[in-house]
Amino acid sequence: MIAYIRGTLVEKAPMRAVVEAAGIGYELLIPISTFDRLPHTGDETKLLAYHSVREDDEVLYGFATPAERELFAKLTAVSGVGPKIALAILSGGSIGELSLAISSSNHKRLASIKGVGKKTAEKICVELKDKINAIEALAATSRDERGKSAAPVLQDAILALTALGFSDEVANKMVSSVVQEHPEASDAETVIRLALAAGRK
C-alpha cells in the first residue's frame, strides 16, 4: 500500500501530476483542488496516495490533504461510483461544501457537477449522509493563523445559531457560507455575526 509520494514535481495538469521519487516517475490522477495546491514544476512536493488495483488496471490517485483522500475513498465505496466520478465530484467544489451537500442530502448540488447524474447523486447522499461530518470537513479547510483547528469555533457557532431557532441544516449552511466567504473569521462571535448579517440580506 502506497501512503504518499514525496519527490520532485516533474509535470502537472489540472487532473494529472507526475512526481519523481528515487529515480521513478509516478503518475497520479488528481482533483482540481489538489492541482491548485501544487508548487511549480521542479519543486519538491508531497501527495497523499490512493492506490487502486483492479484486474485490468492499476492507478495512483493523489491528494493534497487527508480530507480529500478520505472523501474520495468514501465516494468510491458507493455502488456505481467509480474513481472518475469521485474525482469529478472532488473537482466540483470545496471539501466543506461537498460534505455539507452530502450530509444535508442536497443531491441537486451534486447532480450539478458534470458527469454526475441525478440517480448517482441521490445514491451518494443516501449512502454517505450518516458517514460525513460536515463540520469536521469545514474545519479541515479552515484553520486560524496559528494553524489550530477551527472545529470548536464552527461547532460553537452552529450551536448558537440553533439556539436562536435555526435548524441544524440551515445553521450548517450559514456557517459554511461564512467560512468560504470570510476565511479570516477566527472566533465564534465573528462567525455568528457574519452569518446573521448574511441572512438578513
N, C-alpha and C. Protein backbone atom coordinates (compact mmCIF):
# COMPACT_ATOMS: atom_id res chain seq x y z
N MET A 1 0.84 -1.19 0.00
CA MET A 1 0.00 0.00 0.00
C MET A 1 0.88 1.25 0.00
N ILE A 2 0.67 2.13 -0.96
CA ILE A 2 1.43 3.37 -1.05
C ILE A 2 0.65 4.47 -0.31
N ALA A 3 1.22 5.00 0.77
CA ALA A 3 0.53 6.01 1.57
C ALA A 3 0.72 7.41 1.00
N TYR A 4 1.93 7.70 0.56
CA TYR A 4 2.19 9.02 -0.03
C TYR A 4 3.45 8.95 -0.88
N ILE A 5 3.62 9.97 -1.71
CA ILE A 5 4.82 10.07 -2.55
C ILE A 5 5.40 11.46 -2.38
N ARG A 6 6.67 11.49 -2.01
CA ARG A 6 7.37 12.78 -1.87
C ARG A 6 8.52 12.80 -2.87
N GLY A 7 8.61 13.87 -3.64
CA GLY A 7 9.67 13.97 -4.62
C GLY A 7 9.56 15.24 -5.43
N THR A 8 10.18 15.26 -6.58
CA THR A 8 10.19 16.43 -7.45
C THR A 8 8.98 16.40 -8.40
N LEU A 9 8.28 17.51 -8.45
CA LEU A 9 7.14 17.61 -9.36
C LEU A 9 7.68 17.82 -10.77
N VAL A 10 7.50 16.84 -11.63
CA VAL A 10 8.04 16.87 -12.98
C VAL A 10 7.03 17.44 -13.98
N GLU A 11 5.78 17.04 -13.83
CA GLU A 11 4.72 17.51 -14.72
C GLU A 11 3.47 17.77 -13.90
N LYS A 12 2.66 18.72 -14.35
CA LYS A 12 1.37 18.92 -13.71
C LYS A 12 0.36 19.44 -14.72
N ALA A 13 -0.87 18.97 -14.56
CA ALA A 13 -2.01 19.39 -15.37
C ALA A 13 -3.21 19.36 -14.45
N PRO A 14 -4.32 19.98 -14.83
CA PRO A 14 -5.48 20.05 -13.94
C PRO A 14 -5.93 18.73 -13.34
N MET A 15 -5.75 17.60 -14.03
CA MET A 15 -6.21 16.33 -13.48
C MET A 15 -5.09 15.29 -13.39
N ARG A 16 -3.84 15.74 -13.48
CA ARG A 16 -2.73 14.79 -13.53
C ARG A 16 -1.44 15.43 -13.03
N ALA A 17 -0.64 14.62 -12.35
CA ALA A 17 0.67 15.09 -11.90
C ALA A 17 1.66 13.93 -11.98
N VAL A 18 2.92 14.27 -12.26
CA VAL A 18 3.99 13.26 -12.27
C VAL A 18 5.03 13.70 -11.25
N VAL A 19 5.31 12.81 -10.30
CA VAL A 19 6.28 13.10 -9.24
C VAL A 19 7.42 12.09 -9.34
N GLU A 20 8.63 12.59 -9.42
CA GLU A 20 9.80 11.70 -9.47
C GLU A 20 10.34 11.51 -8.07
N ALA A 21 10.41 10.24 -7.64
CA ALA A 21 10.94 9.91 -6.32
C ALA A 21 11.88 8.73 -6.46
N ALA A 22 13.10 8.87 -5.99
CA ALA A 22 14.11 7.81 -6.05
C ALA A 22 14.31 7.30 -7.48
N GLY A 23 14.27 8.23 -8.44
CA GLY A 23 14.52 7.86 -9.83
C GLY A 23 13.33 7.27 -10.57
N ILE A 24 12.18 7.20 -9.90
CA ILE A 24 10.98 6.65 -10.53
C ILE A 24 9.94 7.75 -10.69
N GLY A 25 9.34 7.83 -11.88
CA GLY A 25 8.31 8.83 -12.12
C GLY A 25 6.93 8.24 -11.86
N TYR A 26 6.24 8.76 -10.86
CA TYR A 26 4.91 8.26 -10.51
C TYR A 26 3.84 9.19 -11.10
N GLU A 27 2.95 8.61 -11.91
CA GLU A 27 1.84 9.38 -12.45
C GLU A 27 0.64 9.24 -11.51
N LEU A 28 0.08 10.38 -11.10
CA LEU A 28 -1.07 10.36 -10.21
C LEU A 28 -2.20 11.18 -10.83
N LEU A 29 -3.39 10.65 -10.79
CA LEU A 29 -4.56 11.40 -11.21
C LEU A 29 -5.05 12.20 -10.01
N ILE A 30 -5.37 13.46 -10.22
CA ILE A 30 -5.66 14.36 -9.10
C ILE A 30 -6.92 15.18 -9.36
N PRO A 31 -7.58 15.66 -8.30
CA PRO A 31 -8.70 16.58 -8.48
C PRO A 31 -8.18 18.01 -8.67
N ILE A 32 -9.03 18.89 -9.14
CA ILE A 32 -8.64 20.29 -9.35
C ILE A 32 -8.14 20.94 -8.06
N SER A 33 -8.78 20.59 -6.93
CA SER A 33 -8.39 21.17 -5.65
C SER A 33 -6.94 20.87 -5.31
N THR A 34 -6.46 19.69 -5.68
CA THR A 34 -5.06 19.33 -5.45
C THR A 34 -4.15 20.06 -6.43
N PHE A 35 -4.59 20.15 -7.67
CA PHE A 35 -3.81 20.87 -8.69
C PHE A 35 -3.54 22.31 -8.24
N ASP A 36 -4.55 22.94 -7.66
CA ASP A 36 -4.41 24.34 -7.22
C ASP A 36 -3.36 24.50 -6.13
N ARG A 37 -3.05 23.42 -5.41
CA ARG A 37 -2.09 23.49 -4.31
C ARG A 37 -0.67 23.06 -4.71
N LEU A 38 -0.52 22.58 -5.94
CA LEU A 38 0.79 22.10 -6.37
C LEU A 38 1.79 23.25 -6.53
N PRO A 39 3.06 23.00 -6.22
CA PRO A 39 4.08 24.03 -6.42
C PRO A 39 4.47 24.09 -7.90
N HIS A 40 5.47 24.88 -8.22
CA HIS A 40 5.96 24.95 -9.60
C HIS A 40 6.68 23.64 -9.95
N THR A 41 6.66 23.28 -11.22
CA THR A 41 7.41 22.08 -11.64
C THR A 41 8.88 22.30 -11.30
N GLY A 42 9.53 21.23 -10.86
CA GLY A 42 10.93 21.32 -10.43
C GLY A 42 11.07 21.45 -8.92
N ASP A 43 9.96 21.82 -8.25
CA ASP A 43 9.99 21.94 -6.79
C ASP A 43 9.59 20.62 -6.15
N GLU A 44 9.93 20.48 -4.88
CA GLU A 44 9.55 19.27 -4.15
C GLU A 44 8.09 19.34 -3.74
N THR A 45 7.42 18.21 -3.77
CA THR A 45 6.03 18.15 -3.35
C THR A 45 5.76 16.82 -2.66
N LYS A 46 4.65 16.76 -1.95
CA LYS A 46 4.22 15.52 -1.31
C LYS A 46 2.74 15.35 -1.59
N LEU A 47 2.38 14.20 -2.14
CA LEU A 47 0.98 13.90 -2.42
C LEU A 47 0.56 12.64 -1.68
N LEU A 48 -0.55 12.71 -0.98
CA LEU A 48 -1.10 11.52 -0.35
C LEU A 48 -1.65 10.64 -1.46
N ALA A 49 -1.48 9.35 -1.34
CA ALA A 49 -1.84 8.45 -2.44
C ALA A 49 -2.99 7.51 -2.09
N TYR A 50 -3.75 7.20 -3.12
CA TYR A 50 -4.78 6.15 -3.04
C TYR A 50 -4.47 5.21 -4.19
N HIS A 51 -4.07 3.99 -3.85
CA HIS A 51 -3.61 3.01 -4.85
C HIS A 51 -4.78 2.11 -5.23
N SER A 52 -5.29 2.27 -6.43
CA SER A 52 -6.41 1.46 -6.91
C SER A 52 -5.90 0.33 -7.79
N VAL A 53 -6.16 -0.90 -7.37
CA VAL A 53 -5.71 -2.07 -8.14
C VAL A 53 -6.93 -2.90 -8.53
N ARG A 54 -7.10 -3.06 -9.84
CA ARG A 54 -8.19 -3.90 -10.35
C ARG A 54 -7.59 -4.96 -11.27
N GLU A 55 -8.42 -5.88 -11.70
CA GLU A 55 -7.93 -6.98 -12.53
C GLU A 55 -7.21 -6.49 -13.79
N ASP A 56 -7.76 -5.44 -14.40
CA ASP A 56 -7.21 -4.98 -15.67
C ASP A 56 -6.61 -3.58 -15.59
N ASP A 57 -6.43 -3.06 -14.38
CA ASP A 57 -5.95 -1.67 -14.27
C ASP A 57 -5.29 -1.43 -12.92
N GLU A 58 -4.33 -0.54 -12.91
CA GLU A 58 -3.65 -0.14 -11.67
C GLU A 58 -3.36 1.35 -11.77
N VAL A 59 -3.98 2.12 -10.87
CA VAL A 59 -3.89 3.58 -10.97
C VAL A 59 -3.58 4.19 -9.60
N LEU A 60 -2.76 5.24 -9.61
CA LEU A 60 -2.48 6.00 -8.41
C LEU A 60 -3.26 7.31 -8.47
N TYR A 61 -3.93 7.64 -7.38
CA TYR A 61 -4.63 8.92 -7.26
C TYR A 61 -3.93 9.73 -6.18
N GLY A 62 -3.76 11.02 -6.44
CA GLY A 62 -3.03 11.86 -5.50
C GLY A 62 -3.89 12.96 -4.92
N PHE A 63 -3.60 13.31 -3.65
CA PHE A 63 -4.39 14.32 -2.95
C PHE A 63 -3.50 15.20 -2.09
N ALA A 64 -3.86 16.47 -2.01
CA ALA A 64 -3.07 17.41 -1.23
C ALA A 64 -3.37 17.31 0.26
N THR A 65 -4.58 16.88 0.62
CA THR A 65 -4.98 16.84 2.03
C THR A 65 -5.62 15.50 2.40
N PRO A 66 -5.57 15.13 3.68
CA PRO A 66 -6.23 13.90 4.13
C PRO A 66 -7.74 13.95 3.89
N ALA A 67 -8.34 15.14 4.02
CA ALA A 67 -9.79 15.27 3.83
C ALA A 67 -10.19 14.91 2.40
N GLU A 68 -9.38 15.31 1.42
CA GLU A 68 -9.66 14.97 0.02
C GLU A 68 -9.60 13.45 -0.18
N ARG A 69 -8.55 12.84 0.32
CA ARG A 69 -8.39 11.39 0.14
C ARG A 69 -9.50 10.63 0.86
N GLU A 70 -9.88 11.08 2.04
CA GLU A 70 -10.93 10.40 2.79
C GLU A 70 -12.27 10.46 2.07
N LEU A 71 -12.61 11.65 1.53
CA LEU A 71 -13.88 11.78 0.82
C LEU A 71 -13.86 10.95 -0.46
N PHE A 72 -12.71 10.92 -1.14
CA PHE A 72 -12.56 10.11 -2.35
C PHE A 72 -12.83 8.63 -2.03
N ALA A 73 -12.25 8.14 -0.94
CA ALA A 73 -12.42 6.74 -0.54
C ALA A 73 -13.89 6.44 -0.23
N LYS A 74 -14.55 7.37 0.44
CA LYS A 74 -15.96 7.16 0.77
C LYS A 74 -16.83 7.17 -0.48
N LEU A 75 -16.52 8.06 -1.41
CA LEU A 75 -17.30 8.14 -2.64
C LEU A 75 -17.15 6.87 -3.48
N THR A 76 -15.93 6.37 -3.60
CA THR A 76 -15.71 5.17 -4.41
C THR A 76 -16.28 3.92 -3.76
N ALA A 77 -16.63 4.00 -2.48
CA ALA A 77 -17.24 2.86 -1.79
C ALA A 77 -18.74 2.78 -2.09
N VAL A 78 -19.28 3.84 -2.68
CA VAL A 78 -20.70 3.85 -3.04
C VAL A 78 -20.89 3.06 -4.34
N SER A 79 -21.86 2.19 -4.35
CA SER A 79 -22.13 1.36 -5.53
C SER A 79 -22.40 2.24 -6.75
N GLY A 80 -21.67 1.97 -7.83
CA GLY A 80 -21.87 2.71 -9.06
C GLY A 80 -21.03 3.96 -9.19
N VAL A 81 -20.26 4.28 -8.16
CA VAL A 81 -19.39 5.46 -8.21
C VAL A 81 -17.94 5.01 -8.37
N GLY A 82 -17.39 5.22 -9.54
CA GLY A 82 -16.00 4.85 -9.79
C GLY A 82 -15.07 6.01 -9.51
N PRO A 83 -13.77 5.77 -9.63
CA PRO A 83 -12.77 6.82 -9.37
C PRO A 83 -12.95 8.06 -10.24
N LYS A 84 -13.35 7.89 -11.50
CA LYS A 84 -13.51 9.05 -12.38
C LYS A 84 -14.62 9.97 -11.89
N ILE A 85 -15.74 9.38 -11.47
CA ILE A 85 -16.84 10.19 -10.94
C ILE A 85 -16.44 10.84 -9.62
N ALA A 86 -15.72 10.09 -8.79
CA ALA A 86 -15.27 10.63 -7.49
C ALA A 86 -14.35 11.82 -7.71
N LEU A 87 -13.43 11.72 -8.68
CA LEU A 87 -12.55 12.86 -8.98
C LEU A 87 -13.33 14.04 -9.50
N ALA A 88 -14.33 13.77 -10.33
CA ALA A 88 -15.17 14.86 -10.86
C ALA A 88 -15.89 15.59 -9.73
N ILE A 89 -16.38 14.82 -8.75
CA ILE A 89 -17.08 15.42 -7.61
C ILE A 89 -16.12 16.28 -6.80
N LEU A 90 -14.93 15.74 -6.51
CA LEU A 90 -13.94 16.50 -5.74
C LEU A 90 -13.51 17.77 -6.47
N SER A 91 -13.56 17.73 -7.79
CA SER A 91 -13.18 18.91 -8.59
C SER A 91 -14.33 19.90 -8.71
N GLY A 92 -15.51 19.50 -8.21
CA GLY A 92 -16.69 20.35 -8.38
C GLY A 92 -16.99 21.27 -7.23
N GLY A 93 -16.12 21.32 -6.23
CA GLY A 93 -16.36 22.21 -5.10
C GLY A 93 -15.36 21.96 -4.00
N SER A 94 -15.44 22.75 -2.93
CA SER A 94 -14.53 22.56 -1.78
C SER A 94 -15.00 21.35 -0.98
N ILE A 95 -14.09 20.80 -0.18
CA ILE A 95 -14.43 19.64 0.64
C ILE A 95 -15.57 19.99 1.60
N GLY A 96 -15.51 21.16 2.19
CA GLY A 96 -16.56 21.59 3.11
C GLY A 96 -17.91 21.68 2.42
N GLU A 97 -17.94 22.31 1.26
CA GLU A 97 -19.19 22.47 0.52
C GLU A 97 -19.77 21.13 0.10
N LEU A 98 -18.92 20.26 -0.44
CA LEU A 98 -19.38 18.94 -0.89
C LEU A 98 -19.87 18.10 0.29
N SER A 99 -19.14 18.13 1.39
CA SER A 99 -19.53 17.37 2.57
C SER A 99 -20.86 17.88 3.12
N LEU A 100 -21.04 19.19 3.10
CA LEU A 100 -22.28 19.78 3.57
C LEU A 100 -23.44 19.35 2.67
N ALA A 101 -23.20 19.32 1.35
CA ALA A 101 -24.24 18.90 0.41
C ALA A 101 -24.66 17.46 0.68
N ILE A 102 -23.68 16.59 0.94
CA ILE A 102 -23.98 15.18 1.19
C ILE A 102 -24.69 15.01 2.52
N SER A 103 -24.17 15.64 3.57
CA SER A 103 -24.76 15.46 4.91
C SER A 103 -26.15 16.06 5.02
N SER A 104 -26.47 17.04 4.17
CA SER A 104 -27.80 17.65 4.19
C SER A 104 -28.70 17.12 3.07
N SER A 105 -28.23 16.05 2.39
CA SER A 105 -28.98 15.41 1.30
C SER A 105 -29.32 16.36 0.16
N ASN A 106 -28.40 17.27 -0.12
CA ASN A 106 -28.61 18.22 -1.23
C ASN A 106 -28.10 17.57 -2.52
N HIS A 107 -28.86 16.59 -3.01
CA HIS A 107 -28.42 15.85 -4.20
C HIS A 107 -28.41 16.72 -5.45
N LYS A 108 -29.19 17.80 -5.44
CA LYS A 108 -29.20 18.70 -6.59
C LYS A 108 -27.84 19.36 -6.79
N ARG A 109 -27.17 19.67 -5.67
CA ARG A 109 -25.83 20.27 -5.77
C ARG A 109 -24.86 19.29 -6.40
N LEU A 110 -24.91 18.03 -6.00
CA LEU A 110 -24.01 17.04 -6.57
C LEU A 110 -24.34 16.78 -8.03
N ALA A 111 -25.64 16.75 -8.36
CA ALA A 111 -26.06 16.48 -9.73
C ALA A 111 -25.69 17.62 -10.67
N SER A 112 -25.37 18.79 -10.11
CA SER A 112 -24.97 19.93 -10.95
C SER A 112 -23.54 19.80 -11.45
N ILE A 113 -22.80 18.82 -10.91
CA ILE A 113 -21.41 18.59 -11.31
C ILE A 113 -21.41 17.73 -12.58
N LYS A 114 -20.64 18.14 -13.55
CA LYS A 114 -20.58 17.44 -14.83
C LYS A 114 -20.16 15.99 -14.62
N GLY A 115 -20.94 15.07 -15.21
CA GLY A 115 -20.61 13.66 -15.10
C GLY A 115 -21.34 12.93 -13.98
N VAL A 116 -22.08 13.70 -13.15
CA VAL A 116 -22.80 13.10 -12.04
C VAL A 116 -24.31 13.19 -12.31
N GLY A 117 -24.95 12.05 -12.51
CA GLY A 117 -26.38 12.03 -12.78
C GLY A 117 -27.21 12.17 -11.52
N LYS A 118 -28.50 12.41 -11.72
CA LYS A 118 -29.41 12.59 -10.59
C LYS A 118 -29.46 11.36 -9.69
N LYS A 119 -29.59 10.17 -10.30
CA LYS A 119 -29.69 8.94 -9.52
C LYS A 119 -28.41 8.67 -8.73
N THR A 120 -27.27 8.95 -9.36
CA THR A 120 -25.99 8.76 -8.67
C THR A 120 -25.87 9.72 -7.49
N ALA A 121 -26.28 10.97 -7.71
CA ALA A 121 -26.22 11.97 -6.65
C ALA A 121 -27.11 11.57 -5.48
N GLU A 122 -28.30 11.07 -5.78
CA GLU A 122 -29.23 10.65 -4.73
C GLU A 122 -28.65 9.46 -3.95
N LYS A 123 -28.05 8.53 -4.67
CA LYS A 123 -27.47 7.35 -4.03
C LYS A 123 -26.32 7.74 -3.09
N ILE A 124 -25.50 8.69 -3.53
CA ILE A 124 -24.38 9.16 -2.70
C ILE A 124 -24.91 9.76 -1.40
N CYS A 125 -25.93 10.59 -1.51
CA CYS A 125 -26.49 11.23 -0.32
C CYS A 125 -27.08 10.20 0.64
N VAL A 126 -27.79 9.20 0.09
CA VAL A 126 -28.41 8.18 0.93
C VAL A 126 -27.36 7.34 1.66
N GLU A 127 -26.33 6.92 0.91
CA GLU A 127 -25.34 6.01 1.50
C GLU A 127 -24.31 6.70 2.39
N LEU A 128 -24.05 7.98 2.13
CA LEU A 128 -22.98 8.66 2.89
C LEU A 128 -23.47 9.72 3.88
N LYS A 129 -24.76 10.00 3.88
CA LYS A 129 -25.27 11.06 4.74
C LYS A 129 -24.81 10.93 6.19
N ASP A 130 -24.89 9.71 6.73
CA ASP A 130 -24.53 9.50 8.13
C ASP A 130 -23.03 9.22 8.33
N LYS A 131 -22.28 9.21 7.23
CA LYS A 131 -20.84 8.93 7.33
C LYS A 131 -19.99 10.19 7.12
N ILE A 132 -20.66 11.31 6.84
CA ILE A 132 -19.96 12.56 6.58
C ILE A 132 -20.21 13.54 7.70
N ASN A 133 -19.16 14.09 8.28
CA ASN A 133 -19.27 15.12 9.29
C ASN A 133 -18.89 16.44 8.63
N ALA A 134 -19.90 17.23 8.29
CA ALA A 134 -19.65 18.47 7.56
C ALA A 134 -18.79 19.45 8.34
N ILE A 135 -18.98 19.49 9.65
CA ILE A 135 -18.21 20.43 10.47
C ILE A 135 -16.74 20.07 10.48
N GLU A 136 -16.44 18.78 10.60
CA GLU A 136 -15.03 18.36 10.57
C GLU A 136 -14.41 18.69 9.22
N ALA A 137 -15.19 18.51 8.16
CA ALA A 137 -14.68 18.82 6.82
C ALA A 137 -14.45 20.31 6.65
N LEU A 138 -15.39 21.11 7.14
CA LEU A 138 -15.21 22.56 7.07
C LEU A 138 -13.98 22.98 7.88
N ALA A 139 -13.83 22.36 9.06
CA ALA A 139 -12.69 22.69 9.90
C ALA A 139 -11.37 22.32 9.25
N ALA A 140 -11.37 21.23 8.49
CA ALA A 140 -10.15 20.77 7.82
C ALA A 140 -9.68 21.78 6.79
N THR A 141 -10.61 22.57 6.26
CA THR A 141 -10.23 23.56 5.26
C THR A 141 -10.18 24.97 5.85
N SER A 142 -10.41 25.07 7.17
CA SER A 142 -10.44 26.39 7.81
C SER A 142 -9.60 26.35 9.08
N ARG A 143 -8.43 26.92 9.04
CA ARG A 143 -7.55 26.97 10.20
C ARG A 143 -7.10 28.40 10.44
N ASP A 144 -6.95 28.74 11.72
CA ASP A 144 -6.56 30.11 12.02
C ASP A 144 -5.09 30.33 11.72
N GLU A 145 -4.61 31.56 11.98
CA GLU A 145 -3.24 31.91 11.59
C GLU A 145 -2.19 31.11 12.34
N ARG A 146 -2.55 30.46 13.45
CA ARG A 146 -1.58 29.65 14.20
C ARG A 146 -1.65 28.19 13.78
N GLY A 147 -2.53 27.88 12.81
CA GLY A 147 -2.64 26.52 12.33
C GLY A 147 -3.53 25.64 13.18
N LYS A 148 -4.22 26.22 14.19
CA LYS A 148 -5.10 25.43 15.04
C LYS A 148 -6.37 25.06 14.29
N SER A 149 -6.93 23.92 14.64
CA SER A 149 -8.18 23.51 14.01
C SER A 149 -9.28 24.48 14.37
N ALA A 150 -10.14 24.76 13.39
CA ALA A 150 -11.25 25.68 13.60
C ALA A 150 -12.52 24.95 14.04
N ALA A 151 -12.45 23.64 14.24
CA ALA A 151 -13.64 22.86 14.55
C ALA A 151 -14.41 23.38 15.77
N PRO A 152 -13.75 23.65 16.92
CA PRO A 152 -14.50 24.14 18.08
C PRO A 152 -15.24 25.44 17.79
N VAL A 153 -14.61 26.34 17.04
CA VAL A 153 -15.22 27.62 16.70
C VAL A 153 -16.48 27.40 15.87
N LEU A 154 -16.37 26.54 14.86
CA LEU A 154 -17.51 26.28 13.98
C LEU A 154 -18.64 25.58 14.73
N GLN A 155 -18.29 24.65 15.59
CA GLN A 155 -19.31 23.94 16.36
C GLN A 155 -20.04 24.90 17.30
N ASP A 156 -19.28 25.79 17.95
CA ASP A 156 -19.90 26.77 18.86
C ASP A 156 -20.84 27.69 18.09
N ALA A 157 -20.42 28.10 16.89
CA ALA A 157 -21.25 28.99 16.08
C ALA A 157 -22.55 28.30 15.67
N ILE A 158 -22.46 27.05 15.28
CA ILE A 158 -23.66 26.31 14.87
C ILE A 158 -24.60 26.08 16.06
N LEU A 159 -24.05 25.76 17.22
CA LEU A 159 -24.87 25.58 18.42
C LEU A 159 -25.60 26.87 18.77
N ALA A 160 -24.90 28.00 18.64
CA ALA A 160 -25.52 29.29 18.94
C ALA A 160 -26.65 29.60 17.96
N LEU A 161 -26.44 29.31 16.69
CA LEU A 161 -27.46 29.58 15.68
C LEU A 161 -28.69 28.69 15.87
N THR A 162 -28.46 27.43 16.26
CA THR A 162 -29.61 26.54 16.52
C THR A 162 -30.37 27.01 17.76
N ALA A 163 -29.64 27.55 18.75
CA ALA A 163 -30.28 28.09 19.95
C ALA A 163 -31.15 29.30 19.61
N LEU A 164 -30.79 29.98 18.52
CA LEU A 164 -31.56 31.15 18.09
C LEU A 164 -32.78 30.74 17.25
N GLY A 165 -32.92 29.43 17.02
CA GLY A 165 -34.10 28.96 16.32
C GLY A 165 -33.87 28.42 14.92
N PHE A 166 -32.64 28.47 14.43
CA PHE A 166 -32.34 27.93 13.10
C PHE A 166 -32.22 26.41 13.18
N SER A 167 -32.64 25.72 12.12
CA SER A 167 -32.50 24.27 12.09
C SER A 167 -31.02 23.91 11.93
N ASP A 168 -30.68 22.65 12.23
CA ASP A 168 -29.28 22.22 12.08
C ASP A 168 -28.81 22.41 10.65
N GLU A 169 -29.68 22.07 9.69
CA GLU A 169 -29.30 22.17 8.28
C GLU A 169 -29.03 23.62 7.88
N VAL A 170 -29.93 24.52 8.29
CA VAL A 170 -29.76 25.94 7.95
C VAL A 170 -28.53 26.51 8.64
N ALA A 171 -28.33 26.16 9.91
CA ALA A 171 -27.17 26.66 10.66
C ALA A 171 -25.87 26.19 10.00
N ASN A 172 -25.85 24.93 9.57
CA ASN A 172 -24.67 24.40 8.87
C ASN A 172 -24.39 25.18 7.60
N LYS A 173 -25.45 25.47 6.83
CA LYS A 173 -25.28 26.20 5.58
C LYS A 173 -24.79 27.62 5.85
N MET A 174 -25.33 28.26 6.88
CA MET A 174 -24.92 29.63 7.21
C MET A 174 -23.44 29.69 7.58
N VAL A 175 -23.01 28.74 8.41
CA VAL A 175 -21.60 28.71 8.83
C VAL A 175 -20.71 28.36 7.66
N SER A 176 -21.15 27.44 6.82
CA SER A 176 -20.38 27.06 5.63
C SER A 176 -20.14 28.27 4.74
N SER A 177 -21.18 29.09 4.55
CA SER A 177 -21.05 30.27 3.69
C SER A 177 -20.05 31.26 4.28
N VAL A 178 -20.10 31.43 5.59
CA VAL A 178 -19.16 32.36 6.24
C VAL A 178 -17.73 31.88 6.08
N VAL A 179 -17.52 30.58 6.29
CA VAL A 179 -16.16 30.02 6.18
C VAL A 179 -15.59 30.24 4.78
N GLN A 180 -16.43 30.06 3.76
CA GLN A 180 -15.95 30.20 2.39
C GLN A 180 -15.75 31.65 1.99
N GLU A 181 -16.61 32.55 2.51
CA GLU A 181 -16.51 33.96 2.12
C GLU A 181 -15.61 34.77 3.04
N HIS A 182 -15.46 34.31 4.29
CA HIS A 182 -14.62 35.04 5.26
C HIS A 182 -13.69 34.08 5.99
N PRO A 183 -12.71 33.51 5.29
CA PRO A 183 -11.80 32.54 5.93
C PRO A 183 -10.99 33.14 7.08
N GLU A 184 -10.97 34.47 7.15
CA GLU A 184 -10.21 35.11 8.23
C GLU A 184 -10.95 35.09 9.56
N ALA A 185 -12.25 34.81 9.55
CA ALA A 185 -13.04 34.78 10.78
C ALA A 185 -12.53 33.66 11.68
N SER A 186 -12.01 34.01 12.86
CA SER A 186 -11.34 33.02 13.70
C SER A 186 -11.99 32.79 15.05
N ASP A 187 -13.11 33.47 15.35
CA ASP A 187 -13.79 33.22 16.62
C ASP A 187 -15.28 33.07 16.37
N ALA A 188 -15.95 32.36 17.29
CA ALA A 188 -17.37 32.04 17.11
C ALA A 188 -18.23 33.29 17.01
N GLU A 189 -17.93 34.31 17.81
CA GLU A 189 -18.73 35.54 17.80
C GLU A 189 -18.72 36.19 16.41
N THR A 190 -17.56 36.23 15.79
CA THR A 190 -17.45 36.82 14.45
C THR A 190 -18.20 35.99 13.42
N VAL A 191 -18.06 34.67 13.51
CA VAL A 191 -18.75 33.78 12.57
C VAL A 191 -20.27 33.96 12.69
N ILE A 192 -20.77 34.01 13.92
CA ILE A 192 -22.21 34.18 14.16
C ILE A 192 -22.69 35.52 13.60
N ARG A 193 -21.94 36.58 13.89
CA ARG A 193 -22.33 37.92 13.42
C ARG A 193 -22.40 37.97 11.90
N LEU A 194 -21.39 37.40 11.24
CA LEU A 194 -21.36 37.40 9.78
C LEU A 194 -22.49 36.54 9.20
N ALA A 195 -22.77 35.42 9.87
CA ALA A 195 -23.84 34.53 9.40
C ALA A 195 -25.19 35.22 9.49
N LEU A 196 -25.44 35.90 10.61
CA LEU A 196 -26.71 36.60 10.79
C LEU A 196 -26.83 37.78 9.83
N ALA A 197 -25.72 38.46 9.60
CA ALA A 197 -25.72 39.60 8.67
C ALA A 197 -26.05 39.14 7.26
N ALA A 198 -25.48 38.01 6.85
CA ALA A 198 -25.75 37.46 5.52
C ALA A 198 -27.20 37.01 5.40
N GLY A 199 -27.74 36.50 6.51
CA GLY A 199 -29.11 36.02 6.48
C GLY A 199 -30.13 37.14 6.37
N ARG A 200 -29.71 38.36 6.77
CA ARG A 200 -30.64 39.50 6.70
C ARG A 200 -30.63 40.18 5.34
N LYS A 201 -29.66 39.80 4.48
CA LYS A 201 -29.55 40.45 3.17
C LYS A 201 -30.68 40.01 2.25
